[in-house]
Protein backbone atom coordinates (compact mmCIF):
# COMPACT_ATOMS: atom_id res chain seq x y z
CA UNK A 1 95.26 156.92 149.92
CA UNK A 2 92.66 154.81 148.09
CA UNK A 3 93.40 156.51 144.75
CA UNK A 4 97.03 156.00 145.27
CA UNK A 5 96.44 152.46 146.09
CA UNK A 6 94.31 151.89 142.97
CA UNK A 7 96.76 153.80 140.78
CA UNK A 8 99.73 151.82 141.96
CA UNK A 9 97.69 148.54 141.57
CA UNK A 10 96.79 149.44 137.97
CA UNK A 11 100.40 150.25 137.12
CA UNK A 12 101.89 147.07 138.72
CA UNK A 13 99.07 144.93 137.25
CA UNK A 14 99.75 146.26 133.88
CA UNK A 15 103.44 145.62 134.21
CA UNK A 16 102.86 142.17 135.60
CA UNK A 17 100.51 141.20 132.63
CA UNK A 18 102.86 142.42 129.97
CA UNK A 19 106.20 141.50 131.53
CA UNK A 20 105.26 138.23 133.15
CA UNK A 21 102.76 136.85 130.71
CA UNK A 22 99.68 137.30 132.90
CA UNK A 23 100.70 134.66 135.58
CA UNK A 24 98.46 135.11 138.51
CA UNK A 25 101.12 134.06 141.00
CA UNK A 26 103.62 136.45 139.51
CA UNK A 27 101.06 139.25 139.58
CA UNK A 28 100.43 138.67 143.27
CA UNK A 29 104.21 138.80 144.01
CA UNK A 30 104.65 141.96 142.14
CA UNK A 31 101.76 143.64 143.93
CA UNK A 32 102.90 142.34 147.33
CA UNK A 33 106.30 143.75 146.67
CA UNK A 34 104.82 147.17 146.82
CA UNK A 35 102.68 146.45 149.84
CA UNK A 36 99.50 145.53 148.13
CA UNK A 37 97.84 142.37 149.62
CA UNK A 38 95.23 140.03 148.21
CA UNK A 39 92.55 141.65 150.39
CA UNK A 40 93.28 144.96 148.71
CA UNK A 41 93.16 143.35 145.35
CA UNK A 42 89.86 141.68 146.13
CA UNK A 43 88.36 145.10 147.05
CA UNK A 44 89.60 146.56 143.85
CA UNK A 45 88.02 143.66 141.82
CA UNK A 46 84.74 144.02 143.68
CA UNK A 47 84.78 147.77 142.83
CA UNK A 48 85.53 146.92 139.25
CA UNK A 49 82.59 144.50 139.10
CA UNK A 50 80.33 146.95 140.77
CA UNK A 51 81.28 149.78 138.44
CA UNK A 52 80.76 147.38 135.38
CA UNK A 53 77.21 146.46 136.68
CA UNK A 54 76.40 150.14 137.10
CA UNK A 55 77.43 150.76 133.51
CA UNK A 56 75.51 147.72 132.30
CA UNK A 57 72.50 148.76 134.11
CA UNK A 58 72.60 152.23 132.44
CA UNK A 59 73.17 150.61 129.14
CA UNK A 60 70.18 148.23 129.39
CA UNK A 61 67.98 151.19 130.44
CA UNK A 62 69.13 153.00 127.37
CA UNK A 63 68.33 150.01 125.16
CA UNK A 64 64.83 149.90 126.66
CA UNK A 65 64.29 153.50 125.84
CA UNK A 66 65.37 152.91 122.36
CA UNK A 67 62.89 149.92 122.04
CA UNK A 68 60.02 152.13 123.36
CA UNK A 69 60.81 154.90 120.85
CA UNK A 70 60.90 152.35 117.92
CA UNK A 71 57.41 150.94 118.62
CA UNK A 72 56.03 154.40 118.43
CA UNK A 73 57.23 154.65 114.79
CA UNK A 74 54.39 154.65 112.15
CA UNK A 75 56.65 155.06 109.18
CA UNK A 76 60.01 156.57 108.25
CA UNK A 77 63.42 154.97 107.70
CA UNK A 78 63.15 151.46 109.17
CA UNK A 79 66.72 150.61 108.16
CA UNK A 80 68.03 153.43 110.33
CA UNK A 81 65.63 152.27 113.05
CA UNK A 82 67.25 148.83 112.79
CA UNK A 83 70.74 150.33 113.05
CA UNK A 84 69.92 152.12 116.21
CA UNK A 85 68.25 149.06 117.81
CA UNK A 86 71.21 146.85 116.76
CA UNK A 87 73.64 149.32 118.16
CA UNK A 88 72.02 149.32 121.59
CA UNK A 89 71.82 145.59 121.50
CA UNK A 90 75.47 145.26 120.75
CA UNK A 91 76.40 147.71 123.42
CA UNK A 92 74.22 145.82 125.99
CA UNK A 93 75.92 142.59 125.00
CA UNK A 94 79.39 144.06 125.42
CA UNK A 95 78.55 145.43 128.87
CA UNK A 96 77.12 142.08 129.92
CA UNK A 97 80.37 140.44 128.86
CA UNK A 98 82.33 142.84 130.81
CA UNK A 99 80.14 142.20 133.96
CA UNK A 100 80.82 138.51 133.61
CA UNK A 101 84.49 138.99 133.23
CA UNK A 102 84.70 141.24 136.29
CA UNK A 103 82.74 138.75 138.43
CA UNK A 104 85.10 135.95 137.24
CA UNK A 105 88.02 138.20 138.44
CA UNK A 106 86.36 138.62 141.77
CA UNK A 107 85.87 134.77 142.18
CA UNK A 108 89.49 134.16 141.13
CA UNK A 109 91.07 136.55 143.56
CA UNK A 110 88.74 135.52 146.46
CA UNK A 111 89.53 131.73 145.98
CA UNK A 112 93.31 132.63 146.12
CA UNK A 113 92.83 134.88 149.13
CA UNK A 114 90.89 132.30 151.15
CA UNK A 115 93.20 129.46 150.22
CA UNK A 116 96.18 131.53 151.34
CA UNK A 117 94.47 132.69 154.50
CA UNK A 118 93.42 129.20 155.43
CA UNK A 119 97.13 127.88 154.99
CA UNK A 120 98.56 130.81 157.06
CA UNK A 121 96.28 129.85 159.96
CA UNK A 122 98.80 127.01 160.70
CA UNK A 123 101.60 129.41 161.04
CA UNK A 124 100.30 131.02 164.24
CA UNK A 125 102.10 130.09 167.45
CA UNK A 126 99.55 132.02 169.52
CA UNK A 127 96.28 129.96 169.67
CA UNK A 128 94.21 133.06 170.58
CA UNK A 129 95.39 135.01 167.59
CA UNK A 130 94.86 131.90 165.40
CA UNK A 131 91.14 131.70 166.64
CA UNK A 132 90.72 135.29 165.97
CA UNK A 133 91.96 134.95 162.49
CA UNK A 134 89.81 131.85 161.87
CA UNK A 135 86.63 133.80 163.01
CA UNK A 136 87.53 136.69 160.61
CA UNK A 137 88.08 134.22 157.76
CA UNK A 138 84.71 132.59 158.51
CA UNK A 139 82.90 135.86 158.57
CA UNK A 140 84.59 137.22 155.38
CA UNK A 141 83.78 134.00 153.58
CA UNK A 142 80.06 134.34 154.64
CA UNK A 143 79.88 137.98 153.52
CA UNK A 144 81.64 136.96 150.29
CA UNK A 145 79.14 134.13 149.65
CA UNK A 146 76.19 136.63 149.87
CA UNK A 147 78.00 139.07 147.60
CA UNK A 148 78.95 136.53 144.79
CA UNK A 149 75.54 134.92 144.92
CA UNK A 150 73.92 138.45 144.26
CA UNK A 151 76.41 139.10 141.56
CA UNK A 152 75.79 135.85 139.76
CA UNK A 153 72.01 136.42 140.02
CA UNK A 154 72.30 139.79 138.53
CA UNK A 155 74.54 138.34 135.81
CA UNK A 156 71.99 135.64 135.01
CA UNK A 157 69.08 138.17 134.82
CA UNK A 158 70.86 139.94 131.75
CA UNK A 159 70.56 136.88 129.53
CA UNK A 160 66.82 136.86 129.10
CA UNK A 161 66.82 140.58 128.33
CA UNK A 162 69.66 140.09 125.70
CA UNK A 163 67.91 137.19 124.24
CA UNK A 164 64.64 139.11 123.75
CA UNK A 165 66.43 142.16 122.37
CA UNK A 166 68.35 139.95 119.95
CA UNK A 167 65.29 138.20 118.71
CA UNK A 168 63.51 141.50 118.01
CA UNK A 169 66.62 143.01 116.33
CA UNK A 170 66.65 139.97 113.89
CA UNK A 171 62.96 140.36 113.25
CA UNK A 172 63.51 144.05 112.30
CA UNK A 173 66.61 143.11 110.21
CA UNK A 174 64.68 140.66 108.08
CA UNK A 175 61.36 142.41 107.97
CA UNK A 176 61.87 146.13 107.42
CA UNK A 177 58.12 146.82 107.25
CA UNK A 178 55.20 147.89 109.49
CA UNK A 179 54.71 144.21 110.34
CA UNK A 180 58.06 144.12 112.16
CA UNK A 181 57.16 147.21 114.23
CA UNK A 182 53.92 145.41 115.13
CA UNK A 183 55.79 142.46 116.43
CA UNK A 184 58.09 144.71 118.52
CA UNK A 185 54.90 146.31 119.97
CA UNK A 186 53.59 142.90 121.21
CA UNK A 187 56.96 142.25 122.91
CA UNK A 188 57.24 145.53 124.76
CA UNK A 189 55.53 144.38 127.95
CA UNK A 190 57.63 141.44 128.10
CA UNK A 191 60.82 143.37 127.62
CA UNK A 192 59.85 145.94 130.22
CA UNK A 193 59.16 143.27 132.64
CA UNK A 194 62.47 141.47 132.12
CA UNK A 195 64.36 144.73 132.22
CA UNK A 196 62.64 145.78 135.47
CA UNK A 197 63.68 142.46 137.05
CA UNK A 198 67.28 143.01 135.71
CA UNK A 199 67.39 146.60 137.19
CA UNK A 200 66.25 145.28 140.67
CA UNK A 201 68.86 142.54 140.58
CA UNK A 202 71.57 144.95 139.56
CA UNK A 203 70.63 147.36 142.28
CA UNK A 204 70.78 144.60 144.92
CA UNK A 205 74.15 143.43 143.68
CA UNK A 206 75.60 146.87 143.54
CA UNK A 207 74.26 147.45 147.19
CA UNK A 208 75.92 144.19 148.30
CA UNK A 209 79.13 145.16 146.70
CA UNK A 210 79.18 148.45 148.61
CA UNK A 211 78.47 146.77 151.82
CA UNK A 212 81.17 144.17 151.19
CA UNK A 213 83.66 146.86 150.46
CA UNK A 214 82.70 148.96 153.60
CA UNK A 215 82.95 145.70 155.78
CA UNK A 216 86.45 144.70 154.40
CA UNK A 217 87.73 148.37 154.78
CA UNK A 218 86.28 148.38 158.32
CA UNK A 219 88.03 145.08 159.18
CA UNK A 220 91.31 146.46 157.94
CA UNK A 221 90.84 149.66 159.85
């Protein structure tokens, strides 16, 4: 059922973006016409952000491994060494950009969901049902606040690592000699420390995403 939902979502989303110029309201209408509500869209967006973070985490680990291997070099083709390091840096930068975009998507849908939910509270004629919905809205907002804070903290922890990687790639680019490798060795401890912090924040954020998804699915069940 979940796979069918995601598959339908992807197809309708693509059609909406192509045929309706990417209008957010039109996208929602198209999805709702096939029974997919904003809560389901939010879950899918959180899953996308979680998956992007997992891929970024793996890529940063790969970049660190490449950095470690480079500082062990005593000679050889330094230009090829630079190409490998630069490739890892560019891949890491791309993964980081994807993470940021996916988190932005989560925020956009969450804001729309909460605004719609709040407006629809006024439509209840039964006061008890309205209070139940208000409590669920408050609870969902609180869980979401924890999630998005964790995601943004993980996102921000990528920047120091990227900056350090970029600096060292530039050093190697303009100094293809043993002195450049020496500079990289001096930065290894710093890069390892920054990357370790990033890994922990990513793991926390991924865990929060999984908890949020489970809670939302539980509420719906």
